[in-house]
């Protein structure tokens, strides 16, 4: 395989279809370029933390932390009030 492609002004190149198929590269996949003694190697990166982010829906929605702080403060105040000895 000996394909030639053009570099755009933004530094982008199109990976020839035959190479994409051979490596199993699909849109939005991550690839790594490695320079070794004047030769560039292109490798499909299977999974990165960045590529996996958002792939799984969380079991629960994020909490409202301001609300949680207020609830905790109220609970602590109630406990302190319950632990006080009655005045004589």
N, C-alpha and C. Protein backbone atom coordinates (compact mmCIF):
# COMPACT_ATOMS: atom_id res chain seq x y z
N UNK A 1 0.86 -1.17 0.00
CA UNK A 1 0.00 0.00 0.00
C UNK A 1 0.91 1.23 0.00
N UNK A 2 0.64 2.13 -0.92
CA UNK A 2 1.50 3.31 -1.06
C UNK A 2 0.64 4.49 -1.50
N UNK A 3 -0.22 4.97 -0.61
CA UNK A 3 -1.11 6.09 -0.93
C UNK A 3 -0.46 7.41 -0.59
N UNK A 4 -0.80 8.42 -1.37
CA UNK A 4 -0.31 9.78 -1.13
C UNK A 4 -1.52 10.65 -0.82
N UNK A 5 -1.38 11.50 0.21
CA UNK A 5 -2.46 12.40 0.59
C UNK A 5 -1.87 13.79 0.82
N UNK A 6 -2.70 14.80 0.84
CA UNK A 6 -2.26 16.19 0.97
C UNK A 6 -2.53 16.70 2.38
N UNK A 7 -1.60 17.47 2.91
CA UNK A 7 -1.77 18.10 4.21
C UNK A 7 -2.48 19.43 4.00
N UNK A 8 -3.55 19.67 4.78
CA UNK A 8 -4.29 20.92 4.67
C UNK A 8 -3.53 22.03 5.40
N UNK A 9 -4.02 23.26 5.27
CA UNK A 9 -3.40 24.39 5.96
C UNK A 9 -3.46 24.22 7.48
N UNK A 10 -4.44 23.47 7.96
CA UNK A 10 -4.58 23.21 9.41
C UNK A 10 -3.73 22.02 9.86
N UNK A 11 -2.99 21.40 8.95
CA UNK A 11 -2.16 20.27 9.31
C UNK A 11 -2.91 18.95 9.31
N UNK A 12 -4.09 18.92 8.71
CA UNK A 12 -4.90 17.71 8.69
C UNK A 12 -4.61 16.90 7.43
N UNK A 13 -4.74 15.58 7.58
CA UNK A 13 -4.62 14.68 6.43
C UNK A 13 -5.78 13.71 6.46
N UNK A 14 -6.13 13.18 5.32
CA UNK A 14 -7.15 12.14 5.25
C UNK A 14 -6.45 10.79 5.24
N UNK A 15 -6.85 9.93 6.16
CA UNK A 15 -6.29 8.58 6.18
C UNK A 15 -7.01 7.80 5.08
N UNK A 16 -6.27 7.25 4.15
CA UNK A 16 -6.91 6.51 3.06
C UNK A 16 -7.84 5.41 3.58
N UNK A 17 -8.92 5.20 2.85
CA UNK A 17 -9.96 4.25 3.24
C UNK A 17 -9.39 2.85 3.47
N UNK A 18 -8.50 2.40 2.63
CA UNK A 18 -7.93 1.05 2.76
C UNK A 18 -7.20 0.90 4.10
N UNK A 19 -6.50 1.95 4.53
CA UNK A 19 -5.79 1.93 5.81
C UNK A 19 -6.78 1.98 6.97
N UNK A 20 -7.81 2.84 6.85
CA UNK A 20 -8.83 2.90 7.91
C UNK A 20 -9.49 1.54 8.10
N UNK A 21 -9.81 0.88 6.99
CA UNK A 21 -10.44 -0.44 7.08
C UNK A 21 -9.49 -1.46 7.69
N UNK A 22 -8.23 -1.45 7.28
CA UNK A 22 -7.25 -2.42 7.78
C UNK A 22 -7.04 -2.27 9.29
N UNK A 23 -7.08 -1.02 9.79
CA UNK A 23 -6.87 -0.78 11.22
C UNK A 23 -8.17 -0.73 12.01
N UNK A 24 -9.31 -0.76 11.30
CA UNK A 24 -10.60 -0.69 11.99
C UNK A 24 -10.89 0.69 12.55
N UNK A 25 -10.37 1.74 11.90
CA UNK A 25 -10.56 3.12 12.38
C UNK A 25 -11.93 3.62 11.93
N UNK A 26 -12.68 4.12 12.91
CA UNK A 26 -14.00 4.69 12.63
C UNK A 26 -14.02 6.16 13.04
N UNK A 27 -15.01 6.92 12.61
CA UNK A 27 -15.10 8.32 13.02
C UNK A 27 -15.08 8.45 14.54
N UNK A 28 -14.38 9.44 15.02
CA UNK A 28 -14.20 9.79 16.44
C UNK A 28 -13.25 8.86 17.19
N UNK A 29 -12.69 7.85 16.53
CA UNK A 29 -11.67 7.02 17.16
C UNK A 29 -10.43 7.87 17.41
N UNK A 30 -9.64 7.46 18.38
CA UNK A 30 -8.38 8.13 18.69
C UNK A 30 -7.25 7.36 18.04
N UNK A 31 -6.30 8.10 17.47
CA UNK A 31 -5.13 7.47 16.89
C UNK A 31 -3.88 8.12 17.46
N UNK A 32 -2.81 7.37 17.48
CA UNK A 32 -1.53 7.87 18.00
C UNK A 32 -0.54 7.90 16.86
N UNK A 33 0.20 9.02 16.76
CA UNK A 33 1.29 9.13 15.80
C UNK A 33 2.59 8.98 16.56
N UNK A 34 3.45 8.07 16.09
CA UNK A 34 4.74 7.85 16.71
C UNK A 34 5.82 8.10 15.65
N UNK A 35 6.78 8.95 15.98
CA UNK A 35 7.88 9.24 15.07
C UNK A 35 9.08 8.42 15.49
N UNK A 36 9.59 7.60 14.56
CA UNK A 36 10.71 6.72 14.86
C UNK A 36 11.72 6.79 13.72
N UNK A 37 12.81 7.53 13.95
CA UNK A 37 13.89 7.63 12.98
C UNK A 37 13.38 8.06 11.60
N UNK A 38 12.54 9.09 11.58
CA UNK A 38 12.05 9.65 10.31
C UNK A 38 10.83 8.95 9.74
N UNK A 39 10.35 7.91 10.41
CA UNK A 39 9.16 7.19 9.95
C UNK A 39 8.03 7.43 10.94
N UNK A 40 6.85 7.72 10.42
CA UNK A 40 5.69 7.94 11.27
C UNK A 40 4.85 6.67 11.31
N UNK A 41 4.51 6.26 12.52
CA UNK A 41 3.65 5.09 12.69
C UNK A 41 2.31 5.57 13.22
N UNK A 42 1.23 5.08 12.65
CA UNK A 42 -0.13 5.42 13.06
C UNK A 42 -0.72 4.20 13.74
N UNK A 43 -1.23 4.38 14.97
CA UNK A 43 -1.78 3.27 15.75
C UNK A 43 -3.14 3.66 16.30
N UNK A 44 -4.09 2.76 16.19
CA UNK A 44 -5.41 2.97 16.78
C UNK A 44 -5.29 2.82 18.29
N UNK A 45 -5.78 3.83 19.02
CA UNK A 45 -5.78 3.78 20.48
C UNK A 45 -7.13 3.21 20.87
N UNK A 46 -7.12 2.04 21.52
CA UNK A 46 -8.38 1.35 21.78
C UNK A 46 -9.28 2.09 22.77
N UNK A 47 -8.78 2.39 23.97
CA UNK A 47 -9.60 3.08 24.96
C UNK A 47 -8.71 4.00 25.78
N UNK A 48 -9.15 5.24 25.92
CA UNK A 48 -8.49 6.18 26.82
C UNK A 48 -9.55 6.70 27.78
N UNK A 49 -9.11 7.27 28.85
CA UNK A 49 -10.06 7.86 29.79
C UNK A 49 -10.90 8.92 29.09
N UNK A 50 -10.24 9.72 28.24
CA UNK A 50 -10.95 10.77 27.52
C UNK A 50 -12.01 10.19 26.59
N UNK A 51 -11.67 9.13 25.88
CA UNK A 51 -12.63 8.56 24.93
C UNK A 51 -13.78 7.85 25.65
N UNK A 52 -13.53 7.36 26.87
CA UNK A 52 -14.57 6.66 27.61
C UNK A 52 -15.49 7.60 28.38
N UNK A 53 -15.05 8.85 28.59
CA UNK A 53 -15.84 9.80 29.37
C UNK A 53 -17.21 10.00 28.73
N UNK A 54 -18.25 9.83 29.51
CA UNK A 54 -19.60 10.03 29.03
C UNK A 54 -20.19 8.81 28.34
N UNK A 55 -19.43 7.74 28.22
CA UNK A 55 -19.92 6.55 27.53
C UNK A 55 -20.94 5.78 28.37
N UNK A 56 -20.86 5.94 29.68
CA UNK A 56 -21.77 5.23 30.58
C UNK A 56 -22.59 6.25 31.35
N UNK A 57 -23.88 6.05 31.37
CA UNK A 57 -24.76 6.96 32.10
C UNK A 57 -24.66 6.68 33.60
N UNK A 58 -24.50 7.72 34.42
CA UNK A 58 -24.39 7.48 35.87
C UNK A 58 -25.68 6.88 36.44
N UNK A 59 -25.54 6.08 37.50
CA UNK A 59 -26.70 5.46 38.12
C UNK A 59 -27.60 6.50 38.79
N UNK A 60 -26.99 7.55 39.34
CA UNK A 60 -27.75 8.60 40.01
C UNK A 60 -27.25 9.95 39.52
N UNK A 61 -28.13 10.92 39.55
CA UNK A 61 -27.75 12.26 39.15
C UNK A 61 -26.87 12.89 40.22
N UNK A 62 -25.98 13.80 39.85
CA UNK A 62 -25.15 14.47 40.86
C UNK A 62 -26.03 15.19 41.88
N UNK A 63 -25.58 15.17 43.10
CA UNK A 63 -26.34 15.81 44.17
C UNK A 63 -26.23 17.32 44.09
N UNK A 64 -27.23 17.99 44.67
CA UNK A 64 -27.18 19.43 44.85
C UNK A 64 -26.39 19.66 46.14
N UNK A 65 -25.11 20.01 46.00
CA UNK A 65 -24.24 20.08 47.17
C UNK A 65 -24.62 21.21 48.12
N UNK A 66 -25.11 22.31 47.60
CA UNK A 66 -25.56 23.38 48.50
C UNK A 66 -26.70 22.90 49.38
N UNK A 67 -27.63 22.16 48.78
CA UNK A 67 -28.76 21.62 49.53
C UNK A 67 -28.26 20.61 50.56
N UNK A 68 -27.31 19.75 50.16
CA UNK A 68 -26.76 18.73 51.06
C UNK A 68 -26.05 19.37 52.25
N UNK A 69 -25.30 20.45 52.00
CA UNK A 69 -24.60 21.16 53.09
C UNK A 69 -25.61 21.74 54.06
N UNK A 70 -26.66 22.36 53.54
CA UNK A 70 -27.69 22.95 54.39
C UNK A 70 -28.38 21.88 55.24
N UNK A 71 -28.69 20.71 54.62
CA UNK A 71 -29.33 19.62 55.36
C UNK A 71 -28.41 19.11 56.48
N UNK A 72 -27.13 18.97 56.17
CA UNK A 72 -26.17 18.48 57.16
C UNK A 72 -26.04 19.45 58.32
N UNK A 73 -25.97 20.74 58.02
CA UNK A 73 -25.89 21.75 59.08
C UNK A 73 -27.12 21.71 59.96
N UNK A 74 -28.29 21.54 59.35
CA UNK A 74 -29.54 21.48 60.11
C UNK A 74 -29.56 20.25 61.00
N UNK A 75 -29.11 19.10 60.48
CA UNK A 75 -29.06 17.87 61.27
C UNK A 75 -28.12 18.02 62.46
N UNK A 76 -26.97 18.61 62.25
CA UNK A 76 -26.00 18.81 63.34
C UNK A 76 -26.55 19.75 64.40
N UNK A 77 -27.22 20.82 63.95
CA UNK A 77 -27.80 21.78 64.90
C UNK A 77 -28.88 21.10 65.74
N UNK A 78 -29.66 20.24 65.09
CA UNK A 78 -30.73 19.52 65.80
C UNK A 78 -30.13 18.56 66.83
N UNK A 79 -29.04 17.89 66.48
CA UNK A 79 -28.38 16.97 67.41
C UNK A 79 -27.81 17.73 68.59
N UNK A 80 -27.18 18.89 68.31
CA UNK A 80 -26.61 19.69 69.40
C UNK A 80 -27.72 20.17 70.33
N UNK A 81 -28.84 20.58 69.76
CA UNK A 81 -29.96 21.06 70.58
C UNK A 81 -30.52 19.92 71.43
N UNK A 82 -30.54 18.71 70.90
CA UNK A 82 -31.06 17.55 71.63
C UNK A 82 -30.12 17.08 72.72
N UNK A 83 -28.83 17.40 72.60
CA UNK A 83 -27.84 16.96 73.58
C UNK A 83 -27.70 17.95 74.74
N UNK A 84 -28.32 19.10 74.64
CA UNK A 84 -28.22 20.10 75.72
C UNK A 84 -29.06 19.65 76.91
N UNK A 85 -28.53 19.94 78.09
CA UNK A 85 -29.28 19.62 79.31
C UNK A 85 -30.26 20.73 79.59
N UNK A 86 -31.42 20.35 80.07
CA UNK A 86 -32.41 21.38 80.38
C UNK A 86 -31.93 22.34 81.46
N UNK A 87 -32.31 23.60 81.35
CA UNK A 87 -31.92 24.62 82.33
C UNK A 87 -32.72 24.44 83.60
N UNK A 88 -32.11 24.77 84.74
CA UNK A 88 -32.82 24.67 86.03
C UNK A 88 -33.32 26.00 86.47
